[in-house]
C-alpha atoms as a PDB file:
ATOM      1  CA  MET A   1     -29.873  68.013 219.209  1.00  0.00           C
ATOM      2  CA  SER A   2     -30.404  67.089 215.634  1.00  0.00           C
ATOM      3  CA  LYS A   3     -34.155  68.004 214.286  1.00  0.00           C
ATOM      4  CA  GLY A   4     -34.340  65.056 211.783  1.00  0.00           C
ATOM      5  CA  VAL A   5     -36.097  64.931 208.326  1.00  0.00           C
ATOM      6  CA  GLN A   6     -38.719  67.769 207.587  1.00  0.00           C
ATOM      7  CA  PHE A   7     -39.781  68.525 203.955  1.00  0.00           C
ATOM      8  CA  TYR A   8     -40.430  72.357 203.654  1.00  0.00           C
ATOM      9  CA  LYS A   9     -42.134  73.611 200.296  1.00  0.00           C
ATOM     10  CA  ILE A  10     -40.723  76.987 199.485  1.00  0.00           C
ATOM     11  CA  HIS A  11     -42.314  77.761 195.983  1.00  0.00           C
ATOM     12  CA  ASP A  12     -45.392  76.409 194.099  1.00  0.00           C
ATOM     13  CA  GLU A  13     -46.273  77.730 190.463  1.00  0.00           C
ATOM     14  CA  SER A  14     -48.651  77.568 187.931  1.00  0.00           C
ATOM     15  CA  LEU A  15     -46.273  76.657 184.813  1.00  0.00           C
ATOM     16  CA  VAL A  16     -47.096  75.742 181.101  1.00  0.00           C
ATOM     17  CA  MET A  17     -44.163  74.552 179.055  1.00  0.00           C
ATOM     18  CA  THR A  18     -44.457  75.152 175.159  1.00  0.00           C
ATOM     19  CA  ASP A  19     -42.896  74.562 172.356  1.00  0.00           C
ATOM     20  CA  ALA A  20     -40.291  77.379 172.757  1.00  0.00           C
ATOM     21  CA  ALA A  21     -37.492  77.643 175.404  1.00  0.00           C
ATOM     22  CA  GLN A  22     -38.076  79.688 178.399  1.00  0.00           C
ATOM     23  CA  THR A  23     -36.194  80.707 181.882  1.00  0.00           C
ATOM     24  CA  LEU A  24     -37.475  80.732 185.176  1.00  0.00           C
ATOM     25  CA  THR A  25     -35.813  82.967 187.746  1.00  0.00           C
ATOM     26  CA  PHE A  26     -37.105  83.452 191.272  1.00  0.00           C
ATOM     27  CA  GLY A  27     -36.108  83.663 194.882  1.00  0.00           C
ATOM     28  CA  GLU A  28     -37.851  82.554 198.236  1.00  0.00           C
ATOM     29  CA  ASN A  29     -36.928  82.962 202.059  1.00  0.00           C
ATOM     30  CA  VAL A  30     -35.938  79.762 203.748  1.00  0.00           C
ATOM     31  CA  PRO A  31     -36.476  78.481 207.188  1.00  0.00           C
ATOM     32  CA  SER A  32     -33.023  79.764 209.414  1.00  0.00           C
ATOM     33  CA  GLY A  33     -31.216  77.632 211.593  1.00  0.00           C
ATOM     34  CA  ARG A  34     -31.678  74.310 209.583  1.00  0.00           C
ATOM     35  CA  VAL A  35     -29.627  72.247 207.264  1.00  0.00           C
ATOM     36  CA  VAL A  36     -30.828  71.734 203.509  1.00  0.00           C
ATOM     37  CA  GLU A  37     -29.862  68.378 202.562  1.00  0.00           C
ATOM     38  CA  SER A  38     -31.425  68.669 199.273  1.00  0.00           C
ATOM     39  CA  VAL A  39     -33.623  70.720 196.484  1.00  0.00           C
ATOM     40  CA  ILE A  40     -36.676  68.584 195.066  1.00  0.00           C
ATOM     41  CA  LEU A  41     -38.235  69.939 192.132  1.00  0.00           C
ATOM     42  CA  HIS A  42     -41.808  68.762 190.821  1.00  0.00           C
ATOM     43  CA  PHE A  43     -42.868  69.395 187.708  1.00  0.00           C
ATOM     44  CA  THR A  44     -46.439  68.449 186.063  1.00  0.00           C
ATOM     45  CA  GLN A  45     -47.358  68.992 182.584  1.00  0.00           C
ATOM     46  CA  VAL A  46     -50.440  67.975 180.837  1.00  0.00           C
ATOM     47  CA  ARG A  47     -51.542  67.432 177.255  1.00  0.00           C
ATOM     48  CA  ALA A  48     -54.733  65.552 176.231  1.00  0.00           C
ATOM     49  CA  ALA A  49     -53.008  64.617 172.889  1.00  0.00           C
ATOM     50  CA  GLY A  50     -49.734  63.851 174.340  1.00  0.00           C
ATOM     51  CA  GLY A  51     -46.553  64.248 171.984  1.00  0.00           C
ATOM     52  CA  MET A  52     -44.659  66.544 174.677  1.00  0.00           C
ATOM     53  CA  ILE A  53     -41.543  64.561 175.215  1.00  0.00           C
ATOM     54  CA  ASP A  54     -40.588  61.446 173.995  1.00  0.00           C
ATOM     55  CA  GLY A  55     -38.226  60.505 176.438  1.00  0.00           C
ATOM     56  CA  SER A  56     -37.295  61.376 180.424  1.00  0.00           C
ATOM     57  CA  PHE A  57     -38.454  65.149 181.294  1.00  0.00           C
ATOM     58  CA  ASP A  58     -35.208  66.253 181.974  1.00  0.00           C
ATOM     59  CA  ASN A  59     -34.222  66.491 178.269  1.00  0.00           C
ATOM     60  CA  VAL A  60     -35.996  69.778 178.544  1.00  0.00           C
ATOM     61  CA  ILE A  61     -34.044  70.931 181.355  1.00  0.00           C
ATOM     62  CA  SER A  62     -30.949  72.968 179.900  1.00  0.00           C
ATOM     63  CA  ASN A  63     -29.823  74.713 183.187  1.00  0.00           C
ATOM     64  CA  TYR A  64     -30.049  74.884 186.863  1.00  0.00           C
ATOM     65  CA  ARG A  65     -28.633  77.190 189.475  1.00  0.00           C
ATOM     66  CA  ALA A  66     -29.446  77.109 193.297  1.00  0.00           C
ATOM     67  CA  ILE A  67     -27.882  80.118 195.191  1.00  0.00           C
ATOM     68  CA  LEU A  68     -28.275  80.329 199.082  1.00  0.00           C
ATOM     69  CA  ASN A  69     -27.420  83.903 200.615  1.00  0.00           C
ATOM     70  CA  GLY A  70     -25.509  84.809 197.612  1.00  0.00           C
ATOM     71  CA  GLU A  71     -23.266  81.295 197.252  1.00  0.00           C
ATOM     72  CA  VAL A  72     -23.815  79.291 194.569  1.00  0.00           C
ATOM     73  CA  TYR A  73     -24.087  75.581 195.159  1.00  0.00           C
ATOM     74  CA  THR A  74     -25.033  74.223 191.890  1.00  0.00           C
ATOM     75  CA  ASP A  75     -24.489  75.564 188.384  1.00  0.00           C
ATOM     76  CA  PHE A  76     -25.456  72.791 185.657  1.00  0.00           C
ATOM     77  CA  ARG A  77     -25.736  73.780 181.946  1.00  0.00           C
ATOM     78  CA  THR A  78     -26.208  71.852 178.860  1.00  0.00           C
ATOM     79  CA  ASN A  79     -26.559  72.916 175.268  1.00  0.00           C
ATOM     80  CA  VAL A  80     -27.504  69.407 174.114  1.00  0.00           C
ATOM     81  CA  ASN A  81     -31.379  69.309 174.805  1.00  0.00           C
ATOM     82  CA  SER A  82     -34.174  67.399 172.745  1.00  0.00           C
ATOM     83  CA  ALA A  83     -37.457  66.479 173.601  1.00  0.00           C
ATOM     84  CA  THR A  84     -37.353  63.740 170.659  1.00  0.00           C
ATOM     85  CA  ASN A  85     -34.457  62.014 172.455  1.00  0.00           C
ATOM     86  CA  ALA A  86     -36.129  58.817 174.044  1.00  0.00           C
ATOM     87  CA  GLY A  87     -33.312  58.226 176.430  1.00  0.00           C
ATOM     88  CA  LEU A  88     -32.250  59.753 179.812  1.00  0.00           C
ATOM     89  CA  GLY A  89     -31.450  63.432 179.227  1.00  0.00           C
ATOM     90  CA  ARG A  90     -27.850  65.315 180.393  1.00  0.00           C
ATOM     91  CA  PHE A  91     -29.732  66.562 183.434  1.00  0.00           C
ATOM     92  CA  GLY A  92     -30.792  63.501 184.631  1.00  0.00           C
ATOM     93  CA  TYR A  93     -27.452  61.801 184.239  1.00  0.00           C
ATOM     94  CA  PHE A  94     -25.950  64.691 185.846  1.00  0.00           C
ATOM     95  CA  LEU A  95     -27.820  63.641 189.290  1.00  0.00           C
ATOM     96  CA  GLN A  96     -27.813  60.182 188.639  1.00  0.00           C
ATOM     97  CA  SER A  97     -24.140  60.017 188.574  1.00  0.00           C
ATOM     98  CA  LEU A  98     -24.220  61.418 192.145  1.00  0.00           C
ATOM     99  CA  GLY A  99     -25.733  58.110 193.130  1.00  0.00           C
ATOM    100  CA  ARG A 100     -28.643  57.608 195.900  1.00  0.00           C
ATOM    101  CA  ASN A 101     -28.220  61.156 197.199  1.00  0.00           C
ATOM    102  CA  ALA A 102     -29.919  62.481 194.028  1.00  0.00           C
ATOM    103  CA  THR A 103     -33.045  61.359 192.139  1.00  0.00           C
ATOM    104  CA  SER A 104     -34.132  62.282 188.512  1.00  0.00           C
ATOM    105  CA  VAL A 105     -37.401  60.096 188.318  1.00  0.00           C
ATOM    106  CA  GLU A 106     -40.939  60.530 186.840  1.00  0.00           C
ATOM    107  CA  VAL A 107     -44.282  58.412 186.373  1.00  0.00           C
ATOM    108  CA  PRO A 108     -44.146  57.484 182.817  1.00  0.00           C
ATOM    109  CA  SER A 109     -47.067  58.861 180.727  1.00  0.00           C
ATOM    110  CA  ASP A 110     -47.454  60.561 177.205  1.00  0.00           C
ATOM    111  CA  THR A 111     -50.203  62.713 178.381  1.00  0.00           C
ATOM    112  CA  ASN A 112     -49.665  63.585 182.060  1.00  0.00           C
ATOM    113  CA  LYS A 113     -45.599  64.379 182.724  1.00  0.00           C
ATOM    114  CA  ASP A 114     -45.083  63.960 186.501  1.00  0.00           C
ATOM    115  CA  TYR A 115     -41.403  64.331 187.364  1.00  0.00           C
ATOM    116  CA  TRP A 116     -39.460  64.906 190.317  1.00  0.00           C
ATOM    117  CA  ALA A 117     -35.795  65.695 190.800  1.00  0.00           C
ATOM    118  CA  GLU A 118     -33.549  66.048 193.791  1.00  0.00           C
ATOM    119  CA  ILE A 119     -30.117  67.975 193.709  1.00  0.00           C
ATOM    120  CA  PRO A 120     -28.045  67.620 196.827  1.00  0.00           C
ATOM    121  CA  MET A 121     -26.958  70.606 198.762  1.00  0.00           C
ATOM    122  CA  GLY A 122     -25.663  70.007 202.211  1.00  0.00           C
ATOM    123  CA  ALA A 123     -25.964  73.730 203.300  1.00  0.00           C
ATOM    124  CA  THR A 124     -26.459  75.099 206.632  1.00  0.00           C
ATOM    125  CA  ILE A 125     -28.892  78.377 206.660  1.00  0.00           C
ATOM    126  CA  PRO A 126     -27.874  80.529 209.379  1.00  0.00           C
ATOM    127  CA  GLN A 127     -29.947  82.444 211.980  1.00  0.00           C
ATOM    128  CA  GLY A 128     -31.932  85.033 210.546  1.00  0.00           C
ATOM    129  CA  VAL A 129     -33.533  85.233 207.311  1.00  0.00           C
ATOM    130  CA  GLY A 130     -32.254  82.664 204.570  1.00  0.00           C
ATOM    131  CA  ARG A 131     -32.588  83.313 200.896  1.00  0.00           C
ATOM    132  CA  MET A 132     -32.316  81.171 198.176  1.00  0.00           C
ATOM    133  CA  GLU A 133     -32.640  82.293 194.321  1.00  0.00           C
ATOM    134  CA  PHE A 134     -33.190  79.827 191.588  1.00  0.00           C
ATOM    135  CA  ILE A 135     -32.470  80.167 187.700  1.00  0.00           C
ATOM    136  CA  ILE A 136     -34.153  77.270 185.652  1.00  0.00           C
ATOM    137  CA  GLY A 137     -33.631  76.976 181.977  1.00  0.00           C
ATOM    138  CA  LEU A 138     -36.329  75.064 179.940  1.00  0.00           C
ATOM    139  CA  ALA A 139     -35.853  73.722 176.320  1.00  0.00           C
ATOM    140  CA  ALA A 140     -38.267  73.500 173.924  1.00  0.00           C
ATOM    141  CA  MET A 141     -41.067  70.749 173.944  1.00  0.00           C
ATOM    142  CA  GLN A 142     -42.621  69.090 170.967  1.00  0.00           C
ATOM    143  CA  ALA A 143     -46.123  70.354 171.749  1.00  0.00           C
ATOM    144  CA  SER A 144     -47.111  72.997 174.291  1.00  0.00           C
ATOM    145  CA  ALA A 145     -48.922  71.812 177.054  1.00  0.00           C
ATOM    146  CA  THR A 146     -52.403  72.929 178.300  1.00  0.00           C
ATOM    147  CA  SER A 147     -51.665  73.163 181.791  1.00  0.00           C
ATOM    148  CA  GLY A 148     -48.986  72.326 184.390  1.00  0.00           C
ATOM    149  CA  SER A 149     -46.975  73.221 187.740  1.00  0.00           C
ATOM    150  CA  LEU A 150     -43.835  73.643 189.187  1.00  0.00           C
ATOM    151  CA  GLU A 151     -42.971  73.048 193.008  1.00  0.00           C
ATOM    152  CA  VAL A 152     -39.747  73.581 194.848  1.00  0.00           C
ATOM    153  CA  TRP A 153     -39.293  71.222 198.259  1.00  0.00           C
ATOM    154  CA  LEU A 154     -36.535  71.495 200.796  1.00  0.00           C
ATOM    155  CA  ARG A 155     -35.407  68.368 202.605  1.00  0.00           C
ATOM    156  CA  LEU A 156     -34.279  69.728 205.592  1.00  0.00           C
ATOM    157  CA  ASN A 157     -31.701  66.988 207.511  1.00  0.00           C
ATOM    158  CA  ASP A 158     -29.866  68.064 210.307  1.00  0.00           C
ATOM    159  CA  ASP A 159     -27.579  64.734 209.977  1.00  0.00           C
ATOM    160  CA  THR A 160     -26.724  65.713 206.534  1.00  0.00           C
ATOM    161  CA  GLN A 161     -22.734  64.651 206.498  1.00  0.00           C
ATOM    162  CA  THR A 162     -21.617  66.702 203.309  1.00  0.00           C
ATOM    163  CA  ARG A 163     -21.835  69.464 201.078  1.00  0.00           C
ATOM    164  CA  THR A 164     -22.189  69.013 197.581  1.00  0.00           C
ATOM    165  CA  THR A 165     -21.216  71.700 195.193  1.00  0.00           C
ATOM    166  CA  ALA A 166     -21.755  71.495 191.119  1.00  0.00           C
ATOM    167  CA  VAL A 167     -19.068  74.233 190.802  1.00  0.00           C
ATOM    168  CA  PRO A 168     -18.706  76.070 187.135  1.00  0.00           C
ATOM    169  CA  ALA A 169     -17.224  74.090 184.588  1.00  0.00           C
ATOM    170  CA  THR A 170     -14.041  74.438 182.446  1.00  0.00           C
ATOM    171  CA  SER A 171     -14.784  74.730 178.747  1.00  0.00           C
ATOM    172  CA  PHE A 172     -12.535  73.583 176.032  1.00  0.00           C
ATOM    173  CA  THR A 173     -12.873  73.638 172.384  1.00  0.00           C
ATOM    174  CA  SER A 174     -11.364  70.276 170.791  1.00  0.00           C
ATOM    175  CA  ALA A 175      -8.863  69.425 168.118  1.00  0.00           C
ATOM    176  CA  VAL A 176      -8.465  66.023 166.647  1.00  0.00           C
ATOM    177  CA  GLY A 177      -5.862  63.940 168.573  1.00  0.00           C
ATOM    178  CA  ILE A 178      -4.575  63.985 172.407  1.00  0.00           C
ATOM    179  CA  GLN A 179      -5.022  67.501 173.867  1.00  0.00           C
ATOM    180  CA  SER A 180      -4.068  68.881 177.466  1.00  0.00           C
ATOM    181  CA  VAL A 181      -6.905  70.046 179.464  1.00  0.00           C
ATOM    182  CA  VAL A 182      -6.683  71.483 182.879  1.00  0.00           C
ATOM    183  CA  VAL A 183      -9.818  71.225 184.796  1.00  0.00           C
ATOM    184  CA  ARG A 184     -10.238  74.406 187.410  1.00  0.00           C
ATOM    185  CA  VAL A 185     -10.912  73.311 190.789  1.00  0.00           C
ATOM    186  CA  PRO A 186     -11.919  76.534 192.807  1.00  0.00           C
ATOM    187  CA  GLN A 187     -10.104  76.951 196.132  1.00  0.00           C
ATOM    188  CA  ASN A 188     -12.851  79.011 197.818  1.00  0.00           C
ATOM    189  CA  VAL A 189     -15.202  76.085 197.828  1.00  0.00           C
ATOM    190  CA  PRO A 190     -14.640  73.578 200.691  1.00  0.00           C
ATOM    191  CA  GLY A 191     -14.565  69.901 200.043  1.00  0.00           C
ATOM    192  CA  LYS A 192     -12.609  67.323 197.786  1.00  0.00           C
ATOM    193  CA  VAL A 193     -13.476  66.438 193.990  1.00  0.00           C
ATOM    194  CA  ALA A 194     -15.595  63.250 193.887  1.00  0.00           C
ATOM    195  CA  GLY A 195     -16.019  63.389 190.148  1.00  0.00           C
ATOM    196  CA  ILE A 196     -15.907  65.349 186.949  1.00  0.00           C
ATOM    197  CA  LEU A 197     -18.921  65.447 184.759  1.00  0.00           C
ATOM    198  CA  VAL A 198     -17.617  65.780 180.759  1.00  0.00           C
ATOM    199  CA  GLN A 199     -20.056  66.980 178.124  1.00  0.00           C
ATOM    200  CA  ASN A 200     -19.828  67.229 174.882  1.00  0.00           C
ATOM    201  CA  ASN A 201     -22.092  70.274 174.132  1.00  0.00           C
ATOM    202  CA  THR A 202     -21.980  70.358 170.551  1.00  0.00           C
ATOM    203  CA  GLU A 203     -23.724  66.870 169.992  1.00  0.00           C
ATOM    204  CA  ALA A 204     -24.855  63.898 171.303  1.00  0.00           C
ATOM    205  CA  ALA A 205     -21.534  61.964 170.998  1.00  0.00           C
ATOM    206  CA  ASP A 206     -18.376  61.161 172.852  1.00  0.00           C
ATOM    207  CA  ASN A 207     -16.130  61.658 169.846  1.00  0.00           C
ATOM    208  CA  ILE A 208     -13.444  60.513 172.489  1.00  0.00           C
ATOM    209  CA  SER A 209     -11.148  57.871 171.197  1.00  0.00           C
ATOM    210  CA  ASN A 210     -12.131  54.330 172.116  1.00  0.00           C
ATOM    211  CA  THR A 211      -7.963  53.496 172.488  1.00  0.00           C
ATOM    212  CA  GLN A 212      -6.745  56.520 174.475  1.00  0.00           C
ATOM    213  CA  GLY A 213      -9.615  57.861 175.782  1.00  0.00           C
ATOM    214  CA  ILE A 214      -9.065  60.070 178.673  1.00  0.00           C
ATOM    215  CA  ARG A 215      -5.795  59.994 181.004  1.00  0.00           C
ATOM    216  CA  VAL A 216      -6.482  61.115 184.465  1.00  0.00           C
ATOM    217  CA  HIS A 217      -3.165  61.861 185.927  1.00  0.00           C
ATOM    218  CA  LEU A 218      -4.238  61.451 189.440  1.00  0.00           C
ATOM    219  CA  LEU A 219      -5.636  58.003 188.467  1.00  0.00           C
ATOM    220  CA  GLY A 220      -2.403  56.881 186.492  1.00  0.00           C
ATOM    221  CA  ALA A 221      -0.339  56.730 183.535  1.00  0.00           C
ATOM    222  CA  PHE A 222      -3.071  55.235 181.170  1.00  0.00           C
ATOM    223  CA  GLY A 223      -5.919  56.561 179.020  1.00  0.00           C
ATOM    224  CA  LEU A 224      -9.008  55.162 180.346  1.00  0.00           C
ATOM    225  CA  GLU A 225     -11.505  54.712 177.178  1.00  0.00           C
ATOM    226  CA  PRO A 226     -15.149  55.805 177.363  1.00  0.00           C
ATOM    227  CA  SER A 227     -16.451  52.303 177.957  1.00  0.00           C
ATOM    228  CA  LEU A 228     -14.011  51.904 180.772  1.00  0.00           C
ATOM    229  CA  LEU A 229     -15.184  54.811 182.409  1.00  0.00           C
ATOM    230  CA  ARG A 230     -18.656  53.726 182.078  1.00  0.00           C
ATOM    231  CA  TYR A 231     -17.662  50.769 183.992  1.00  0.00           C
ATOM    232  CA  LEU A 232     -16.141  52.441 186.638  1.00  0.00           C
ATOM    233  CA  ASN A 233     -19.045  54.782 187.204  1.00  0.00           C
ATOM    234  CA  SER A 234     -21.541  52.184 187.135  1.00  0.00           C
ATOM    235  CA  ASP A 235     -23.259  53.196 183.914  1.00  0.00           C
ATOM    236  CA  LEU A 236     -22.634  49.670 182.085  1.00  0.00           C
ATOM    237  CA  SER A 237     -24.655  48.043 184.799  1.00  0.00           C
ATOM    238  CA  ASN A 238     -28.065  49.444 183.361  1.00  0.00           C
ATOM    239  CA  GLY A 239     -27.069  52.289 185.869  1.00  0.00           C
ATOM    240  CA  LEU A 240     -29.206  54.936 184.378  1.00  0.00           C
ATOM    241  CA  GLN A 241     -33.229  54.962 184.467  1.00  0.00           C
ATOM    242  CA  PHE A 242     -35.871  56.936 182.875  1.00  0.00           C
ATOM    243  CA  ALA A 243     -39.300  56.985 181.537  1.00  0.00           C
ATOM    244  CA  ALA A 244     -39.926  56.302 177.775  1.00  0.00           C
ATOM    245  CA  ASP A 245     -43.887  56.418 177.408  1.00  0.00           C
ATOM    246  CA  GLY A 246     -43.158  55.120 173.790  1.00  0.00           C
ATOM    247  CA  VAL A 247     -42.042  51.742 175.268  1.00  0.00           C
ATOM    248  CA  SER A 248     -44.070  51.696 178.479  1.00  0.00           C
ATOM    249  CA  ILE A 249     -46.550  53.445 180.770  1.00  0.00           C
ATOM    250  CA  THR A 250     -46.085  51.032 183.615  1.00  0.00           C
ATOM    251  CA  GLU A 251     -42.303  50.501 184.017  1.00  0.00           C
ATOM    252  CA  GLN A 252     -39.159  52.413 183.984  1.00  0.00           C
ATOM    253  CA  GLN A 253     -36.478  51.720 181.352  1.00  0.00           C
ATOM    254  CA  PHE A 254     -32.699  51.306 181.877  1.00  0.00           C
ATOM    255  CA  ALA A 255     -29.839  52.388 179.920  1.00  0.00           C
ATOM    256  CA  ILE A 256     -25.896  52.082 179.973  1.00  0.00           C
ATOM    257  CA  GLU A 257     -25.217  55.483 178.395  1.00  0.00           C
ATOM    258  CA  VAL A 258     -25.775  59.151 177.740  1.00  0.00           C
ATOM    259  CA  PRO A 259     -24.266  59.517 174.540  1.00  0.00           C
ATOM    260  CA  GLY A 260     -21.798  62.885 174.839  1.00  0.00           C
ATOM    261  CA  ALA A 261     -21.700  62.533 178.766  1.00  0.00           C
ATOM    262  CA  ILE A 262     -19.381  60.723 180.740  1.00  0.00           C
ATOM    263  CA  PHE A 263     -19.178  61.221 184.821  1.00  0.00           C
ATOM    264  CA  ILE A 264     -15.599  60.364 185.860  1.00  0.00           C
ATOM    265  CA  PRO A 265     -15.090  59.323 189.644  1.00  0.00           C
ATOM    266  CA  THR A 266     -11.878  61.005 190.902  1.00  0.00           C
ATOM    267  CA  TYR A 267     -12.453  59.248 194.514  1.00  0.00           C
ATOM    268  CA  MET A 268     -12.138  62.635 196.595  1.00  0.00           C
ATOM    269  CA  ALA A 269      -9.180  64.177 194.722  1.00  0.00           C
ATOM    270  CA  ALA A 270      -7.587  66.825 196.566  1.00  0.00           C
ATOM    271  CA  GLY A 271      -4.637  69.581 195.859  1.00  0.00           C
ATOM    272  CA  GLY A 272      -6.012  71.556 192.906  1.00  0.00           C
ATOM    273  CA  ASP A 273      -6.753  71.583 189.615  1.00  0.00           C
ATOM    274  CA  ILE A 274      -6.839  68.340 187.797  1.00  0.00           C
ATOM    275  CA  GLN A 275      -4.577  67.407 184.820  1.00  0.00           C
ATOM    276  CA  LEU A 276      -6.596  65.464 182.054  1.00  0.00           C
ATOM    277  CA  GLU A 277      -5.199  64.243 178.703  1.00  0.00           C
ATOM    278  CA  VAL A 278      -8.226  63.498 176.009  1.00  0.00           C
ATOM    279  CA  ASP A 279      -8.064  62.182 172.807  1.00  0.00           C
ATOM    280  CA  PHE A 280     -10.747  63.649 170.661  1.00  0.00           C
ATOM    281  CA  THR A 281     -11.783  62.188 167.453  1.00  0.00           C
ATOM    282  CA  GLN A 282     -13.781  65.278 165.957  1.00  0.00           C
ATOM    283  CA  ALA A 283     -12.538  68.791 166.111  1.00  0.00           C
ATOM    284  CA  ASN A 284     -14.101  72.360 166.750  1.00  0.00           C
ATOM    285  CA  GLN A 285     -16.453  70.668 169.121  1.00  0.00           C
ATOM    286  CA  SER A 286     -17.434  72.525 172.419  1.00  0.00           C
ATOM    287  CA  TYR A 287     -16.798  70.171 175.818  1.00  0.00           C
ATOM    288  CA  THR A 288     -17.029  71.045 179.488  1.00  0.00           C
ATOM    289  CA  PHE A 289     -15.537  69.517 182.321  1.00  0.00           C
ATOM    290  CA  GLN A 290     -17.462  70.227 185.848  1.00  0.00           C
ATOM    291  CA  PRO A 291     -15.802  69.386 189.002  1.00  0.00           C
ATOM    292  CA  ILE A 292     -18.582  67.943 191.804  1.00  0.00           C
ATOM    293  CA  MET A 293     -17.237  68.869 195.031  1.00  0.00           C
ATOM    294  CA  VAL A 294     -17.973  67.237 198.295  1.00  0.00           C
ATOM    295  CA  GLY A 295     -16.885  68.569 201.813  1.00  0.00           C
ATOM    296  CA  ALA A 296     -18.273  68.265 205.165  1.00  0.00           C
ATOM    297  CA  VAL A 297     -21.271  70.402 206.345  1.00  0.00           C
ATOM    298  CA  SER A 298     -20.029  73.429 208.519  1.00  0.00           C
ATOM    299  CA  GLY A 299     -22.247  76.323 210.712  1.00  0.00           C
ATOM    300  CA  LYS A 300     -24.802  75.773 213.598  1.00  0.00           C
ATOM    301  CA  THR A 301     -28.350  75.084 213.387  1.00  0.00           C
ATOM    302  CA  GLY A 302     -30.990  75.840 216.220  1.00  0.00           C
ATOM    303  CA  THR A 303     -33.070  73.837 218.244  1.00  0.00           C
ATOM    304  CA  ASP A 304     -36.947  73.227 217.876  1.00  0.00           C
ATOM    305  CA  THR A 305     -39.554  70.144 218.283  1.00  0.00           C
ATOM    306  CA  MET A 306     -38.203  67.469 215.921  1.00  0.00           C
ATOM    307  CA  ALA A 307     -38.228  64.187 214.575  1.00  0.00           C
ATOM    308  CA  THR A 308     -35.353  61.890 216.291  1.00  0.00           C
ATOM    309  CA  GLN A 309     -34.507  59.302 214.085  1.00  0.00           C
ATOM    310  CA  ALA A 310     -31.397  60.081 212.160  1.00  0.00           C
ATOM    311  CA  ALA A 311     -30.942  59.680 208.325  1.00  0.00           C
ATOM    312  CA  PRO A 312     -27.255  60.160 207.595  1.00  0.00           C
ATOM    313  CA  SER A 313     -26.697  61.536 204.487  1.00  0.00           C
ATOM    314  CA  ASN A 314     -23.447  61.599 202.569  1.00  0.00           C
ATOM    315  CA  THR A 315     -23.023  62.475 198.829  1.00  0.00           C
ATOM    316  CA  ALA A 316     -19.118  60.941 198.827  1.00  0.00           C
ATOM    317  CA  ALA A 317     -20.415  57.860 200.154  1.00  0.00           C
ATOM    318  CA  SER A 318     -23.089  57.429 197.316  1.00  0.00           C
ATOM    319  CA  VAL A 319     -20.768  58.033 194.506  1.00  0.00           C
ATOM    320  CA  LEU A 320     -18.258  55.573 195.976  1.00  0.00           C
ATOM    321  CA  GLN A 321     -20.893  52.853 196.324  1.00  0.00           C
ATOM    322  CA  ARG A 322     -22.487  53.352 192.772  1.00  0.00           C
ATOM    323  CA  THR A 323     -19.145  52.694 191.478  1.00  0.00           C
ATOM    324  CA  LEU A 324     -18.951  49.364 193.399  1.00  0.00           C
ATOM    325  CA  GLU A 325     -22.276  48.100 192.298  1.00  0.00           C
END
């Protein structure tokens, strides 16, 4: 019988972020016999004089890697991080592209950063001792905080329907004109491809033609320009939310794009690698193409005292719903 939704804190540490980059590496035991619907990160940073980050907190998260019992579930990386960017960061864009099953939000404030991120997993922890390992890269802030913390929570939900895996990205160096890109899809990861996260890791700009754009072979014979892709993924419908304390400390802000990052919905593509034709406008820029794979949750769970209301969770449905909004 389902154990319903529970929240389990696995990590709590003091963390002071500075004007220099740093990397956090830690591991924690996790409860066996349950399904981890998602990982929730909670960052706080305090500086009385303010001036730490102009835009959303996710601008200073440069990489996030989550591993359960030796298996990688999320491997996000970006080289474009700036505490002076007044908009949404790349990590936040990655999460918000996954729809309501993922979250990147914060309480707007210049002096007291209070940020939450929820990363979907859909992982069954087998009986026995489960172990999760984390690597989190943090970029430099404009000014060092005086105090802060990091909490890591698990949302446990045995009614989770899908496993979500952000597999390692395919890298590509651009040349001007139409180039063929083969996005590698690992065959040892269960599921289908819900979408591809495209990033220009050289600068905060698409540098992709507004006429030919990106042709996704499985979606048809025509190139899809960046604005069309942002229409298809709902970015253009003010689909991106972030905090910018220089604008308001009482409400969230909304945007239609994160320059240099585009999520391509692939509607649960199956059958192996995905072929793209990309019309680049700048040469020698480093791009990554990262498949987001969604499959059925597998494995068995145990029984215990439980909440009984089901809360079905399905990342594939969440991504598709976002494209229809």
